[in-house]
């Protein structure tokens, strides 16, 4: 199983697709908690298996996602109180 994951996330095209999807998700107010969690996991796999020359881009995207998550936590995902 690890080989299959590594094969997917070591592909540069797949990395760029994941980065593009991440930017779409943290730029949209309609993003759900589950989508955001999946995005962070995908970026984590990208970080583990990406080529060395793409590592800084993936780290920057993960950092940006972590910063923007606070916006979602405070303003988008709060549960209405009864």
N, C-alpha and C. Protein backbone atom coordinates (compact mmCIF):
# COMPACT_ATOMS: atom_id res chain seq x y z
N UNK A 1 0.82 -1.19 0.00
CA UNK A 1 0.00 0.00 0.00
C UNK A 1 0.87 1.26 0.00
N UNK A 2 1.96 1.24 0.75
CA UNK A 2 2.83 2.39 0.81
C UNK A 2 3.39 2.72 -0.56
N UNK A 3 3.72 1.70 -1.33
CA UNK A 3 4.26 1.93 -2.67
C UNK A 3 3.25 2.64 -3.55
N UNK A 4 1.98 2.27 -3.44
CA UNK A 4 0.94 2.92 -4.24
C UNK A 4 0.78 4.38 -3.84
N UNK A 5 0.80 4.65 -2.55
CA UNK A 5 0.69 6.03 -2.07
C UNK A 5 1.89 6.83 -2.54
N UNK A 6 3.06 6.25 -2.40
CA UNK A 6 4.28 6.95 -2.83
C UNK A 6 4.26 7.23 -4.32
N UNK A 7 3.78 6.27 -5.11
CA UNK A 7 3.70 6.45 -6.56
C UNK A 7 2.79 7.61 -6.92
N UNK A 8 1.66 7.72 -6.24
CA UNK A 8 0.71 8.79 -6.52
C UNK A 8 1.28 10.14 -6.12
N UNK A 9 1.82 10.24 -4.92
CA UNK A 9 2.23 11.54 -4.39
C UNK A 9 3.67 11.92 -4.73
N UNK A 10 4.38 11.10 -5.49
CA UNK A 10 5.70 11.51 -5.97
C UNK A 10 5.60 12.03 -7.41
N UNK A 11 4.43 11.96 -7.99
CA UNK A 11 4.18 12.45 -9.35
C UNK A 11 3.98 13.97 -9.30
N UNK A 12 4.80 14.71 -10.04
CA UNK A 12 4.73 16.17 -10.00
C UNK A 12 3.37 16.71 -10.43
N UNK A 13 2.78 16.10 -11.44
CA UNK A 13 1.46 16.56 -11.89
C UNK A 13 0.43 16.41 -10.78
N UNK A 14 0.50 15.30 -10.06
CA UNK A 14 -0.43 15.07 -8.94
C UNK A 14 -0.20 16.08 -7.82
N UNK A 15 1.04 16.43 -7.59
CA UNK A 15 1.35 17.43 -6.57
C UNK A 15 0.73 18.77 -6.94
N UNK A 16 0.90 19.17 -8.19
CA UNK A 16 0.34 20.45 -8.62
C UNK A 16 -1.19 20.44 -8.60
N UNK A 17 -1.80 19.30 -8.91
CA UNK A 17 -3.26 19.18 -8.81
C UNK A 17 -3.70 19.35 -7.36
N UNK A 18 -2.98 18.72 -6.44
CA UNK A 18 -3.33 18.83 -5.01
C UNK A 18 -3.16 20.26 -4.51
N UNK A 19 -2.11 20.93 -4.94
CA UNK A 19 -1.89 22.32 -4.54
C UNK A 19 -2.99 23.22 -5.08
N UNK A 20 -3.38 23.00 -6.32
CA UNK A 20 -4.45 23.79 -6.93
C UNK A 20 -5.77 23.55 -6.20
N UNK A 21 -6.07 22.31 -5.90
CA UNK A 21 -7.30 21.99 -5.18
C UNK A 21 -7.29 22.59 -3.78
N UNK A 22 -6.15 22.56 -3.12
CA UNK A 22 -6.04 23.15 -1.78
C UNK A 22 -6.34 24.64 -1.82
N UNK A 23 -5.78 25.33 -2.79
CA UNK A 23 -6.02 26.77 -2.89
C UNK A 23 -7.48 27.07 -3.18
N UNK A 24 -8.12 26.22 -3.96
CA UNK A 24 -9.56 26.41 -4.21
C UNK A 24 -10.35 26.22 -2.92
N UNK A 25 -9.99 25.22 -2.13
CA UNK A 25 -10.72 24.92 -0.90
C UNK A 25 -10.56 26.00 0.15
N UNK A 26 -9.32 26.46 0.39
CA UNK A 26 -9.19 27.47 1.43
C UNK A 26 -9.50 28.87 0.94
N UNK A 27 -9.92 28.97 -0.32
CA UNK A 27 -10.39 30.25 -0.84
C UNK A 27 -11.89 30.32 -0.97
N UNK A 28 -12.60 29.27 -0.54
CA UNK A 28 -14.05 29.20 -0.70
C UNK A 28 -14.75 29.09 0.66
N UNK A 29 -15.77 29.90 0.85
CA UNK A 29 -16.54 29.85 2.10
C UNK A 29 -17.43 28.60 2.19
N UNK A 30 -17.62 27.91 1.09
CA UNK A 30 -18.49 26.73 1.11
C UNK A 30 -17.72 25.44 1.48
N UNK A 31 -16.45 25.56 1.78
CA UNK A 31 -15.64 24.40 2.16
C UNK A 31 -16.10 23.85 3.50
N UNK A 32 -16.30 22.54 3.57
CA UNK A 32 -16.73 21.91 4.81
C UNK A 32 -15.52 21.47 5.63
N UNK A 33 -15.76 21.14 6.88
CA UNK A 33 -14.68 20.66 7.76
C UNK A 33 -14.06 19.38 7.21
N UNK A 34 -14.90 18.48 6.70
CA UNK A 34 -14.38 17.22 6.15
C UNK A 34 -13.49 17.47 4.94
N UNK A 35 -13.89 18.38 4.07
CA UNK A 35 -13.07 18.72 2.90
C UNK A 35 -11.73 19.31 3.34
N UNK A 36 -11.78 20.19 4.33
CA UNK A 36 -10.55 20.83 4.81
C UNK A 36 -9.62 19.79 5.44
N UNK A 37 -10.18 18.87 6.19
CA UNK A 37 -9.38 17.82 6.82
C UNK A 37 -8.74 16.93 5.75
N UNK A 38 -9.52 16.56 4.73
CA UNK A 38 -8.98 15.74 3.64
C UNK A 38 -7.87 16.47 2.90
N UNK A 39 -8.06 17.78 2.70
CA UNK A 39 -7.05 18.58 2.02
C UNK A 39 -5.73 18.57 2.81
N UNK A 40 -5.82 18.74 4.14
CA UNK A 40 -4.61 18.74 4.96
C UNK A 40 -3.90 17.38 4.91
N UNK A 41 -4.67 16.30 4.90
CA UNK A 41 -4.07 14.97 4.81
C UNK A 41 -3.38 14.78 3.46
N UNK A 42 -4.03 15.23 2.40
CA UNK A 42 -3.44 15.12 1.07
C UNK A 42 -2.14 15.91 0.99
N UNK A 43 -2.15 17.13 1.52
CA UNK A 43 -0.93 17.93 1.51
C UNK A 43 0.17 17.28 2.37
N UNK A 44 -0.23 16.60 3.43
CA UNK A 44 0.75 15.87 4.25
C UNK A 44 1.42 14.76 3.46
N UNK A 45 0.64 14.00 2.70
CA UNK A 45 1.21 12.96 1.85
C UNK A 45 2.10 13.58 0.78
N UNK A 46 1.65 14.71 0.23
CA UNK A 46 2.48 15.40 -0.76
C UNK A 46 3.83 15.77 -0.16
N UNK A 47 3.81 16.27 1.07
CA UNK A 47 5.04 16.67 1.74
C UNK A 47 5.97 15.48 1.96
N UNK A 48 5.41 14.35 2.34
CA UNK A 48 6.23 13.16 2.59
C UNK A 48 6.89 12.61 1.34
N UNK A 49 6.17 12.64 0.22
CA UNK A 49 6.64 11.93 -0.97
C UNK A 49 7.00 12.82 -2.14
N UNK A 50 6.84 14.13 -2.03
CA UNK A 50 7.09 14.99 -3.18
C UNK A 50 8.59 15.08 -3.49
N UNK A 51 8.90 15.40 -4.75
CA UNK A 51 10.31 15.63 -5.09
C UNK A 51 10.86 16.80 -4.28
N UNK A 52 12.14 16.76 -4.00
CA UNK A 52 12.79 17.76 -3.16
C UNK A 52 12.56 19.19 -3.65
N UNK A 53 12.57 19.39 -4.96
CA UNK A 53 12.45 20.74 -5.49
C UNK A 53 11.05 21.34 -5.29
N UNK A 54 10.05 20.52 -4.98
CA UNK A 54 8.69 21.01 -4.74
C UNK A 54 8.36 21.14 -3.25
N UNK A 55 9.27 20.71 -2.40
CA UNK A 55 8.99 20.66 -0.97
C UNK A 55 8.63 22.03 -0.39
N UNK A 56 9.34 23.08 -0.78
CA UNK A 56 9.06 24.42 -0.25
C UNK A 56 7.66 24.90 -0.63
N UNK A 57 7.23 24.57 -1.83
CA UNK A 57 5.89 24.98 -2.29
C UNK A 57 4.83 24.28 -1.45
N UNK A 58 5.03 22.99 -1.20
CA UNK A 58 4.07 22.23 -0.41
C UNK A 58 4.04 22.74 1.03
N UNK A 59 5.20 23.01 1.61
CA UNK A 59 5.26 23.54 2.97
C UNK A 59 4.55 24.89 3.06
N UNK A 60 4.76 25.74 2.07
CA UNK A 60 4.11 27.05 2.06
C UNK A 60 2.59 26.91 1.98
N UNK A 61 2.12 25.98 1.18
CA UNK A 61 0.68 25.77 1.05
C UNK A 61 0.10 25.21 2.35
N UNK A 62 0.81 24.29 2.99
CA UNK A 62 0.36 23.78 4.28
C UNK A 62 0.30 24.88 5.33
N UNK A 63 1.29 25.75 5.33
CA UNK A 63 1.32 26.87 6.27
C UNK A 63 0.14 27.81 6.02
N UNK A 64 -0.11 28.12 4.77
CA UNK A 64 -1.23 29.00 4.42
C UNK A 64 -2.56 28.36 4.82
N UNK A 65 -2.69 27.06 4.60
CA UNK A 65 -3.92 26.37 4.98
C UNK A 65 -4.13 26.41 6.49
N UNK A 66 -3.05 26.25 7.24
CA UNK A 66 -3.17 26.31 8.71
C UNK A 66 -3.59 27.70 9.17
N UNK A 67 -3.06 28.72 8.55
CA UNK A 67 -3.44 30.09 8.93
C UNK A 67 -4.89 30.39 8.57
N UNK A 68 -5.30 29.94 7.40
CA UNK A 68 -6.66 30.22 6.95
C UNK A 68 -7.71 29.38 7.67
N UNK A 69 -7.29 28.27 8.26
CA UNK A 69 -8.24 27.42 8.98
C UNK A 69 -8.91 28.19 10.11
N UNK A 70 -8.20 29.12 10.72
CA UNK A 70 -8.80 29.92 11.81
C UNK A 70 -9.99 30.73 11.32
N UNK A 71 -9.93 31.23 10.12
CA UNK A 71 -11.07 31.95 9.56
C UNK A 71 -12.30 31.04 9.51
N UNK A 72 -12.10 29.82 9.02
CA UNK A 72 -13.20 28.87 8.93
C UNK A 72 -13.73 28.50 10.31
N UNK A 73 -12.80 28.27 11.24
CA UNK A 73 -13.20 27.89 12.60
C UNK A 73 -14.02 28.98 13.25
N UNK A 74 -13.63 30.22 13.07
CA UNK A 74 -14.31 31.33 13.73
C UNK A 74 -15.57 31.81 13.02
N UNK A 75 -15.59 31.79 11.70
CA UNK A 75 -16.66 32.45 10.97
C UNK A 75 -17.52 31.56 10.08
N UNK A 76 -17.02 30.45 9.64
CA UNK A 76 -17.76 29.65 8.66
C UNK A 76 -18.38 28.41 9.28
N UNK A 77 -17.64 27.71 10.14
CA UNK A 77 -18.11 26.44 10.66
C UNK A 77 -18.82 26.48 12.00
N UNK A 78 -18.95 27.61 12.67
CA UNK A 78 -19.58 27.56 14.00
C UNK A 78 -20.99 26.96 13.93
N UNK A 79 -21.27 26.15 14.91
CA UNK A 79 -22.60 25.54 15.01
C UNK A 79 -23.57 26.56 15.61
N UNK A 80 -24.73 26.72 15.03
CA UNK A 80 -25.69 27.66 15.62
C UNK A 80 -26.13 27.19 17.00
N UNK A 81 -26.17 28.11 17.93
CA UNK A 81 -26.59 27.74 19.28
C UNK A 81 -28.11 27.81 19.37
N UNK A 82 -28.66 26.89 20.12
CA UNK A 82 -30.12 26.81 20.23
C UNK A 82 -30.66 27.68 21.33
